[in-house]
Amino acid sequence: MARRHDNDSLIEFTFKYPLFGIIAGIFLGGIGLFLRSKATTSDTKPIATIFNATYLQLGALLCWGSGIMLLISAIGFIWQYFRKRERGF
């Protein structure tokens, strides 16, 4: 029989270990900002336009994912604080 922590989802893992969520959020945000900065070239070739649009959309998606991951981590920190406070640690 599998133990409970073997089947944890990413959100539950982030609740248990909020520092992981912060590191992942910063990493995703950095990649997203890098991709968005790569899309600011003024090349007029059709393939460059497709790449620019892809970089912008993927960068925006990663920035949103970063924000969501940081929000989940903040909720995880608060959750852990109140759980430890209930136990009397």
PDB file of N, CA and C in Angstrom:
ATOM      1  N   MET A   1       0.841  -1.175   0.000  1.00  0.00           N
ATOM      2  CA  MET A   1       0.000   0.000   0.000  1.00  0.00           C
ATOM      3  C   MET A   1       0.885   1.237   0.000  1.00  0.00           C
ATOM      4  N   ALA A   2       0.579   2.186  -0.856  1.00  0.00           N
ATOM      5  CA  ALA A   2       1.381   3.402  -0.972  1.00  0.00           C
ATOM      6  C   ALA A   2       1.114   4.323   0.215  1.00  0.00           C
ATOM      7  N   ARG A   3       2.162   4.949   0.679  1.00  0.00           N
ATOM      8  CA  ARG A   3       2.011   5.908   1.764  1.00  0.00           C
ATOM      9  C   ARG A   3       1.422   7.192   1.221  1.00  0.00           C
ATOM     10  N   ARG A   4       0.886   8.012   2.094  1.00  0.00           N
ATOM     11  CA  ARG A   4       0.194   9.241   1.706  1.00  0.00           C
ATOM     12  C   ARG A   4       1.124  10.194   0.964  1.00  0.00           C
ATOM     13  N   HIS A   5       2.362  10.357   1.432  1.00  0.00           N
ATOM     14  CA  HIS A   5       3.230  11.344   0.810  1.00  0.00           C
ATOM     15  C   HIS A   5       3.775  10.903  -0.546  1.00  0.00           C
ATOM     16  N   ASP A   6       3.562   9.671  -0.934  1.00  0.00           N
ATOM     17  CA  ASP A   6       3.985   9.222  -2.259  1.00  0.00           C
ATOM     18  C   ASP A   6       3.054   9.737  -3.355  1.00  0.00           C
ATOM     19  N   ASN A   7       1.850  10.121  -2.998  1.00  0.00           N
ATOM     20  CA  ASN A   7       0.848  10.532  -3.979  1.00  0.00           C
ATOM     21  C   ASN A   7       0.541  12.023  -3.901  1.00  0.00           C
ATOM     22  N   ASP A   8       1.414  12.803  -3.312  1.00  0.00           N
ATOM     23  CA  ASP A   8       1.155  14.237  -3.153  1.00  0.00           C
ATOM     24  C   ASP A   8       1.183  14.946  -4.496  1.00  0.00           C
ATOM     25  N   SER A   9       0.286  15.910  -4.646  1.00  0.00           N
ATOM     26  CA  SER A   9       0.299  16.731  -5.846  1.00  0.00           C
ATOM     27  C   SER A   9       1.284  17.878  -5.655  1.00  0.00           C
ATOM     28  N   LEU A  10       1.509  18.645  -6.699  1.00  0.00           N
ATOM     29  CA  LEU A  10       2.445  19.762  -6.631  1.00  0.00           C
ATOM     30  C   LEU A  10       1.962  20.821  -5.645  1.00  0.00           C
ATOM     31  N   ILE A  11       0.654  21.059  -5.604  1.00  0.00           N
ATOM     32  CA  ILE A  11       0.130  22.067  -4.683  1.00  0.00           C
ATOM     33  C   ILE A  11       0.317  21.618  -3.239  1.00  0.00           C
ATOM     34  N   GLU A  12       0.033  20.346  -2.940  1.00  0.00           N
ATOM     35  CA  GLU A  12       0.244  19.842  -1.592  1.00  0.00           C
ATOM     36  C   GLU A  12       1.723  19.872  -1.230  1.00  0.00           C
ATOM     37  N   PHE A  13       2.595  19.569  -2.176  1.00  0.00           N
ATOM     38  CA  PHE A  13       4.030  19.622  -1.937  1.00  0.00           C
ATOM     39  C   PHE A  13       4.462  21.049  -1.618  1.00  0.00           C
ATOM     40  N   THR A  14       3.893  22.022  -2.337  1.00  0.00           N
ATOM     41  CA  THR A  14       4.228  23.418  -2.101  1.00  0.00           C
ATOM     42  C   THR A  14       3.703  23.875  -0.749  1.00  0.00           C
ATOM     43  N   PHE A  15       2.553  23.344  -0.326  1.00  0.00           N
ATOM     44  CA  PHE A  15       2.051  23.664   1.008  1.00  0.00           C
ATOM     45  C   PHE A  15       2.973  23.123   2.087  1.00  0.00           C
ATOM     46  N   LYS A  16       3.505  21.920   1.872  1.00  0.00           N
ATOM     47  CA  LYS A  16       4.386  21.317   2.871  1.00  0.00           C
ATOM     48  C   LYS A  16       5.760  21.976   2.879  1.00  0.00           C
ATOM     49  N   TYR A  17       6.255  22.335   1.712  1.00  0.00           N
ATOM     50  CA  TYR A  17       7.583  22.919   1.585  1.00  0.00           C
ATOM     51  C   TYR A  17       7.489  24.229   0.806  1.00  0.00           C
ATOM     52  N   PRO A  18       7.071  25.325   1.440  1.00  0.00           N
ATOM     53  CA  PRO A  18       6.846  26.588   0.728  1.00  0.00           C
ATOM     54  C   PRO A  18       8.110  27.165   0.092  1.00  0.00           C
ATOM     55  N   LEU A  19       9.268  26.837   0.624  1.00  0.00           N
ATOM     56  CA  LEU A  19      10.502  27.348   0.042  1.00  0.00           C
ATOM     57  C   LEU A  19      10.687  26.839  -1.383  1.00  0.00           C
ATOM     58  N   PHE A  20      10.246  25.615  -1.646  1.00  0.00           N
ATOM     59  CA  PHE A  20      10.292  25.070  -3.002  1.00  0.00           C
ATOM     60  C   PHE A  20       9.473  25.934  -3.951  1.00  0.00           C
ATOM     61  N   GLY A  21       8.304  26.351  -3.515  1.00  0.00           N
ATOM     62  CA  GLY A  21       7.439  27.189  -4.343  1.00  0.00           C
ATOM     63  C   GLY A  21       8.053  28.540  -4.638  1.00  0.00           C
ATOM     64  N   ILE A  22       8.743  29.112  -3.656  1.00  0.00           N
ATOM     65  CA  ILE A  22       9.391  30.405  -3.869  1.00  0.00           C
ATOM     66  C   ILE A  22      10.516  30.278  -4.884  1.00  0.00           C
ATOM     67  N   ILE A  23      11.321  29.246  -4.736  1.00  0.00           N
ATOM     68  CA  ILE A  23      12.432  29.041  -5.680  1.00  0.00           C
ATOM     69  C   ILE A  23      11.889  28.782  -7.078  1.00  0.00           C
ATOM     70  N   ALA A  24      10.859  27.938  -7.183  1.00  0.00           N
ATOM     71  CA  ALA A  24      10.265  27.646  -8.497  1.00  0.00           C
ATOM     72  C   ALA A  24       9.621  28.892  -9.092  1.00  0.00           C
ATOM     73  N   GLY A  25       8.974  29.706  -8.262  1.00  0.00           N
ATOM     74  CA  GLY A  25       8.348  30.935  -8.750  1.00  0.00           C
ATOM     75  C   GLY A  25       9.359  31.926  -9.289  1.00  0.00           C
ATOM     76  N   ILE A  26      10.466  32.085  -8.581  1.00  0.00           N
ATOM     77  CA  ILE A  26      11.517  32.995  -9.043  1.00  0.00           C
ATOM     78  C   ILE A  26      12.131  32.474 -10.341  1.00  0.00           C
ATOM     79  N   PHE A  27      12.336  31.175 -10.411  1.00  0.00           N
ATOM     80  CA  PHE A  27      12.905  30.566 -11.612  1.00  0.00           C
ATOM     81  C   PHE A  27      11.980  30.752 -12.812  1.00  0.00           C
ATOM     82  N   LEU A  28      10.693  30.465 -12.632  1.00  0.00           N
ATOM     83  CA  LEU A  28       9.733  30.628 -13.729  1.00  0.00           C
ATOM     84  C   LEU A  28       9.614  32.087 -14.150  1.00  0.00           C
ATOM     85  N   GLY A  29       9.599  32.982 -13.183  1.00  0.00           N
ATOM     86  CA  GLY A  29       9.511  34.405 -13.504  1.00  0.00           C
ATOM     87  C   GLY A  29      10.721  34.885 -14.276  1.00  0.00           C
ATOM     88  N   GLY A  30      11.891  34.406 -13.906  1.00  0.00           N
ATOM     89  CA  GLY A  30      13.107  34.785 -14.618  1.00  0.00           C
ATOM     90  C   GLY A  30      13.106  34.310 -16.058  1.00  0.00           C
ATOM     91  N   ILE A  31      12.690  33.081 -16.259  1.00  0.00           N
ATOM     92  CA  ILE A  31      12.611  32.561 -17.629  1.00  0.00           C
ATOM     93  C   ILE A  31      11.565  33.333 -18.429  1.00  0.00           C
ATOM     94  N   GLY A  32      10.426  33.634 -17.800  1.00  0.00           N
ATOM     95  CA  GLY A  32       9.376  34.390 -18.482  1.00  0.00           C
ATOM     96  C   GLY A  32       9.845  35.774 -18.889  1.00  0.00           C
ATOM     97  N   LEU A  33      10.540  36.466 -17.990  1.00  0.00           N
ATOM     98  CA  LEU A  33      11.048  37.799 -18.323  1.00  0.00           C
ATOM     99  C   LEU A  33      12.122  37.734 -19.403  1.00  0.00           C
ATOM    100  N   PHE A  34      12.949  36.696 -19.365  1.00  0.00           N
ATOM    101  CA  PHE A  34      13.971  36.527 -20.397  1.00  0.00           C
ATOM    102  C   PHE A  34      13.327  36.333 -21.771  1.00  0.00           C
ATOM    103  N   LEU A  35      12.298  35.480 -21.831  1.00  0.00           N
ATOM    104  CA  LEU A  35      11.624  35.245 -23.115  1.00  0.00           C
ATOM    105  C   LEU A  35      10.937  36.503 -23.617  1.00  0.00           C
ATOM    106  N   ARG A  36      10.338  37.272 -22.721  1.00  0.00           N
ATOM    107  CA  ARG A  36       9.680  38.508 -23.143  1.00  0.00           C
ATOM    108  C   ARG A  36      10.699  39.527 -23.642  1.00  0.00           C
ATOM    109  N   SER A  37      11.894  39.530 -23.050  1.00  0.00           N
ATOM    110  CA  SER A  37      12.916  40.469 -23.522  1.00  0.00           C
ATOM    111  C   SER A  37      13.483  40.038 -24.878  1.00  0.00           C
ATOM    112  N   LYS A  38      13.490  38.734 -25.156  1.00  0.00           N
ATOM    113  CA  LYS A  38      13.967  38.248 -26.453  1.00  0.00           C
ATOM    114  C   LYS A  38      13.007  38.627 -27.573  1.00  0.00           C
ATOM    115  N   ALA A  39      11.755  38.891 -27.250  1.00  0.00           N
ATOM    116  CA  ALA A  39      10.735  39.156 -28.265  1.00  0.00           C
ATOM    117  C   ALA A  39      10.708  40.617 -28.691  1.00  0.00           C
ATOM    118  N   THR A  40      11.557  41.450 -28.165  1.00  0.00           N
ATOM    119  CA  THR A  40      11.498  42.873 -28.489  1.00  0.00           C
ATOM    120  C   THR A  40      12.374  43.243 -29.680  1.00  0.00           C
ATOM    121  N   THR A  41      12.837  42.256 -30.431  1.00  0.00           N
ATOM    122  CA  THR A  41      13.635  42.570 -31.614  1.00  0.00           C
ATOM    123  C   THR A  41      12.747  43.167 -32.689  1.00  0.00           C
ATOM    124  N   SER A  42      13.317  43.985 -33.536  1.00  0.00           N
ATOM    125  CA  SER A  42      12.531  44.659 -34.579  1.00  0.00           C
ATOM    126  C   SER A  42      12.781  44.029 -35.953  1.00  0.00           C
ATOM    127  N   ASP A  43      12.858  42.723 -35.984  1.00  0.00           N
ATOM    128  CA  ASP A  43      13.055  42.013 -37.253  1.00  0.00           C
ATOM    129  C   ASP A  43      11.709  41.855 -37.957  1.00  0.00           C
ATOM    130  N   THR A  44      11.673  42.088 -39.261  1.00  0.00           N
ATOM    131  CA  THR A  44      10.400  42.059 -39.995  1.00  0.00           C
ATOM    132  C   THR A  44      10.190  40.779 -40.793  1.00  0.00           C
ATOM    133  N   LYS A  45      11.058  39.799 -40.667  1.00  0.00           N
ATOM    134  CA  LYS A  45      10.870  38.528 -41.375  1.00  0.00           C
ATOM    135  C   LYS A  45       9.679  37.787 -40.770  1.00  0.00           C
ATOM    136  N   PRO A  46       8.929  37.062 -41.606  1.00  0.00           N
ATOM    137  CA  PRO A  46       7.745  36.363 -41.081  1.00  0.00           C
ATOM    138  C   PRO A  46       8.063  35.359 -39.970  1.00  0.00           C
ATOM    139  N   ILE A  47       9.168  34.630 -40.115  1.00  0.00           N
ATOM    140  CA  ILE A  47       9.506  33.640 -39.089  1.00  0.00           C
ATOM    141  C   ILE A  47       9.872  34.336 -37.783  1.00  0.00           C
ATOM    142  N   ALA A  48      10.491  35.504 -37.871  1.00  0.00           N
ATOM    143  CA  ALA A  48      10.833  36.253 -36.658  1.00  0.00           C
ATOM    144  C   ALA A  48       9.572  36.739 -35.960  1.00  0.00           C
ATOM    145  N   THR A  49       8.561  37.110 -36.731  1.00  0.00           N
ATOM    146  CA  THR A  49       7.296  37.550 -36.149  1.00  0.00           C
ATOM    147  C   THR A  49       6.626  36.411 -35.393  1.00  0.00           C
ATOM    148  N   ILE A  50       6.676  35.209 -35.954  1.00  0.00           N
ATOM    149  CA  ILE A  50       6.093  34.044 -35.282  1.00  0.00           C
ATOM    150  C   ILE A  50       6.850  33.755 -33.989  1.00  0.00           C
ATOM    151  N   PHE A  51       8.179  33.802 -34.039  1.00  0.00           N
ATOM    152  CA  PHE A  51       8.969  33.562 -32.831  1.00  0.00           C
ATOM    153  C   PHE A  51       8.718  34.635 -31.781  1.00  0.00           C
ATOM    154  N   ASN A  52       8.616  35.896 -32.210  1.00  0.00           N
ATOM    155  CA  ASN A  52       8.340  36.975 -31.263  1.00  0.00           C
ATOM    156  C   ASN A  52       7.002  36.767 -30.560  1.00  0.00           C
ATOM    157  N   ALA A  53       5.988  36.392 -31.330  1.00  0.00           N
ATOM    158  CA  ALA A  53       4.675  36.153 -30.734  1.00  0.00           C
ATOM    159  C   ALA A  53       4.726  34.970 -29.767  1.00  0.00           C
ATOM    160  N   THR A  54       5.451  33.932 -30.143  1.00  0.00           N
ATOM    161  CA  THR A  54       5.582  32.767 -29.269  1.00  0.00           C
ATOM    162  C   THR A  54       6.318  33.133 -27.995  1.00  0.00           C
ATOM    163  N   TYR A  55       7.412  33.879 -28.118  1.00  0.00           N
ATOM    164  CA  TYR A  55       8.167  34.298 -26.939  1.00  0.00           C
ATOM    165  C   TYR A  55       7.318  35.158 -26.010  1.00  0.00           C
ATOM    166  N   LEU A  56       6.533  36.073 -26.591  1.00  0.00           N
ATOM    167  CA  LEU A  56       5.686  36.933 -25.766  1.00  0.00           C
ATOM    168  C   LEU A  56       4.633  36.124 -25.020  1.00  0.00           C
ATOM    169  N   GLN A  57       3.963  35.207 -25.720  1.00  0.00           N
ATOM    170  CA  GLN A  57       2.908  34.429 -25.083  1.00  0.00           C
ATOM    171  C   GLN A  57       3.459  33.453 -24.048  1.00  0.00           C
ATOM    172  N   LEU A  58       4.541  32.776 -24.386  1.00  0.00           N
ATOM    173  CA  LEU A  58       5.139  31.839 -23.441  1.00  0.00           C
ATOM    174  C   LEU A  58       5.709  32.582 -22.237  1.00  0.00           C
ATOM    175  N   GLY A  59       6.316  33.741 -22.470  1.00  0.00           N
ATOM    176  CA  GLY A  59       6.833  34.547 -21.367  1.00  0.00           C
ATOM    177  C   GLY A  59       5.726  35.017 -20.445  1.00  0.00           C
ATOM    178  N   ALA A  60       4.600  35.427 -21.022  1.00  0.00           N
ATOM    179  CA  ALA A  60       3.466  35.855 -20.205  1.00  0.00           C
ATOM    180  C   ALA A  60       2.911  34.684 -19.392  1.00  0.00           C
ATOM    181  N   LEU A  61       2.822  33.516 -20.012  1.00  0.00           N
ATOM    182  CA  LEU A  61       2.330  32.334 -19.311  1.00  0.00           C
ATOM    183  C   LEU A  61       3.246  31.981 -18.136  1.00  0.00           C
ATOM    184  N   LEU A  62       4.551  32.029 -18.354  1.00  0.00           N
ATOM    185  CA  LEU A  62       5.483  31.711 -17.278  1.00  0.00           C
ATOM    186  C   LEU A  62       5.444  32.754 -16.162  1.00  0.00           C
ATOM    187  N   CYS A  63       5.252  34.013 -16.514  1.00  0.00           N
ATOM    188  CA  CYS A  63       5.142  35.053 -15.482  1.00  0.00           C
ATOM    189  C   CYS A  63       3.882  34.842 -14.641  1.00  0.00           C
ATOM    190  N   TRP A  64       2.764  34.495 -15.280  1.00  0.00           N
ATOM    191  CA  TRP A  64       1.549  34.197 -14.529  1.00  0.00           C
ATOM    192  C   TRP A  64       1.743  32.961 -13.646  1.00  0.00           C
ATOM    193  N   GLY A  65       2.380  31.938 -14.190  1.00  0.00           N
ATOM    194  CA  GLY A  65       2.661  30.737 -13.403  1.00  0.00           C
ATOM    195  C   GLY A  65       3.539  31.033 -12.209  1.00  0.00           C
ATOM    196  N   SER A  66       4.484  31.935 -12.399  1.00  0.00           N
ATOM    197  CA  SER A  66       5.352  32.350 -11.303  1.00  0.00           C
ATOM    198  C   SER A  66       4.542  33.022 -10.202  1.00  0.00           C
ATOM    199  N   GLY A  67       3.649  33.906 -10.590  1.00  0.00           N
ATOM    200  CA  GLY A  67       2.817  34.586  -9.602  1.00  0.00           C
ATOM    201  C   GLY A  67       1.921  33.623  -8.835  1.00  0.00           C
ATOM    202  N   ILE A  68       1.350  32.661  -9.540  1.00  0.00           N
ATOM    203  CA  ILE A  68       0.490  31.670  -8.885  1.00  0.00           C
ATOM    204  C   ILE A  68       1.302  30.809  -7.930  1.00  0.00           C
ATOM    205  N   MET A  69       2.504  30.417  -8.345  1.00  0.00           N
ATOM    206  CA  MET A  69       3.357  29.599  -7.487  1.00  0.00           C
ATOM    207  C   MET A  69       3.758  30.366  -6.226  1.00  0.00           C
ATOM    208  N   LEU A  70       4.068  31.663  -6.364  1.00  0.00           N
ATOM    209  CA  LEU A  70       4.419  32.472  -5.198  1.00  0.00           C
ATOM    210  C   LEU A  70       3.216  32.665  -4.278  1.00  0.00           C
ATOM    211  N   LEU A  71       2.025  32.807  -4.837  1.00  0.00           N
ATOM    212  CA  LEU A  71       0.817  32.934  -4.022  1.00  0.00           C
ATOM    213  C   LEU A  71       0.554  31.648  -3.243  1.00  0.00           C
ATOM    214  N   ILE A  72       0.693  30.514  -3.901  1.00  0.00           N
ATOM    215  CA  ILE A  72       0.502  29.225  -3.223  1.00  0.00           C
ATOM    216  C   ILE A  72       1.539  29.061  -2.114  1.00  0.00           C
ATOM    217  N   SER A  73       2.767  29.502  -2.343  1.00  0.00           N
ATOM    218  CA  SER A  73       3.806  29.408  -1.318  1.00  0.00           C
ATOM    219  C   SER A  73       3.490  30.292  -0.123  1.00  0.00           C
ATOM    220  N   ALA A  74       2.974  31.492  -0.377  1.00  0.00           N
ATOM    221  CA  ALA A  74       2.605  32.378   0.727  1.00  0.00           C
ATOM    222  C   ALA A  74       1.487  31.757   1.558  1.00  0.00           C
ATOM    223  N   ILE A  75       0.507  31.159   0.888  1.00  0.00           N
ATOM    224  CA  ILE A  75      -0.567  30.481   1.613  1.00  0.00           C
ATOM    225  C   ILE A  75       0.002  29.300   2.397  1.00  0.00           C
ATOM    226  N   GLY A  76       0.968  28.601   1.828  1.00  0.00           N
ATOM    227  CA  GLY A  76       1.621  27.490   2.524  1.00  0.00           C
ATOM    228  C   GLY A  76       2.355  27.935   3.773  1.00  0.00           C
ATOM    229  N   PHE A  77       3.047  29.062   3.705  1.00  0.00           N
ATOM    230  CA  PHE A  77       3.729  29.591   4.887  1.00  0.00           C
ATOM    231  C   PHE A  77       2.728  29.919   5.985  1.00  0.00           C
ATOM    232  N   ILE A  78       1.636  30.566   5.616  1.00  0.00           N
ATOM    233  CA  ILE A  78       0.611  30.914   6.594  1.00  0.00           C
ATOM    234  C   ILE A  78      -0.020  29.653   7.176  1.00  0.00           C
ATOM    235  N   TRP A  79      -0.305  28.692   6.316  1.00  0.00           N
ATOM    236  CA  TRP A  79      -0.883  27.419   6.739  1.00  0.00           C
ATOM    237  C   TRP A  79       0.021  26.727   7.756  1.00  0.00           C
ATOM    238  N   GLN A  80       1.321  26.647   7.461  1.00  0.00           N
ATOM    239  CA  GLN A  80       2.260  26.003   8.380  1.00  0.00           C
ATOM    240  C   GLN A  80       2.355  26.751   9.699  1.00  0.00           C
ATOM    241  N   TYR A  81       2.313  28.070   9.648  1.00  0.00           N
ATOM    242  CA  TYR A  81       2.404  28.865  10.865  1.00  0.00           C
ATOM    243  C   TYR A  81       1.251  28.533  11.810  1.00  0.00           C
ATOM    244  N   PHE A  82       0.037  28.486  11.275  1.00  0.00           N
ATOM    245  CA  PHE A  82      -1.113  28.210  12.120  1.00  0.00           C
ATOM    246  C   PHE A  82      -1.151  26.757  12.586  1.00  0.00           C
ATOM    247  N   ARG A  83      -0.665  25.818  11.761  1.00  0.00           N
ATOM    248  CA  ARG A  83      -0.602  24.424  12.190  1.00  0.00           C
ATOM    249  C   ARG A  83       0.385  24.250  13.332  1.00  0.00           C
ATOM    250  N   LYS A  84       1.539  24.889  13.238  1.00  0.00           N
ATOM    251  CA  LYS A  84       2.514  24.798  14.326  1.00  0.00           C
ATOM    252  C   LYS A  84       2.013  25.503  15.577  1.00  0.00           C
ATOM    253  N   ARG A  85       1.273  26.576  15.394  1.00  0.00           N
ATOM    254  CA  ARG A  85       0.733  27.307  16.526  1.00  0.00           C
ATOM    255  C   ARG A  85      -0.329  26.478  17.268  1.00  0.00           C
ATOM    256  N   GLU A  86      -1.132  25.710  16.518  1.00  0.00           N
ATOM    257  CA  GLU A  86      -2.130  24.839  17.141  1.00  0.00           C
ATOM    258  C   GLU A  86      -1.480  23.732  17.953  1.00  0.00           C
ATOM    259  N   ARG A  87      -0.389  23.204  17.451  1.00  0.00           N
ATOM    260  CA  ARG A  87       0.301  22.112  18.149  1.00  0.00           C
ATOM    261  C   ARG A  87       1.067  22.606  19.362  1.00  0.00           C
ATOM    262  N   GLY A  88       1.362  23.892  19.402  1.00  0.00           N
ATOM    263  CA  GLY A  88       2.079  24.433  20.547  1.00  0.00           C
ATOM    264  C   GLY A  88       3.588  24.411  20.399  1.00  0.00           C
ATOM    265  N   PHE A  89       4.074  24.399  19.183  1.00  0.00           N
ATOM    266  CA  PHE A  89       5.524  24.398  18.939  1.00  0.00           C
ATOM    267  C   PHE A  89       6.064  25.775  18.995  1.00  0.00           C
TER     268      PHE A  89
END
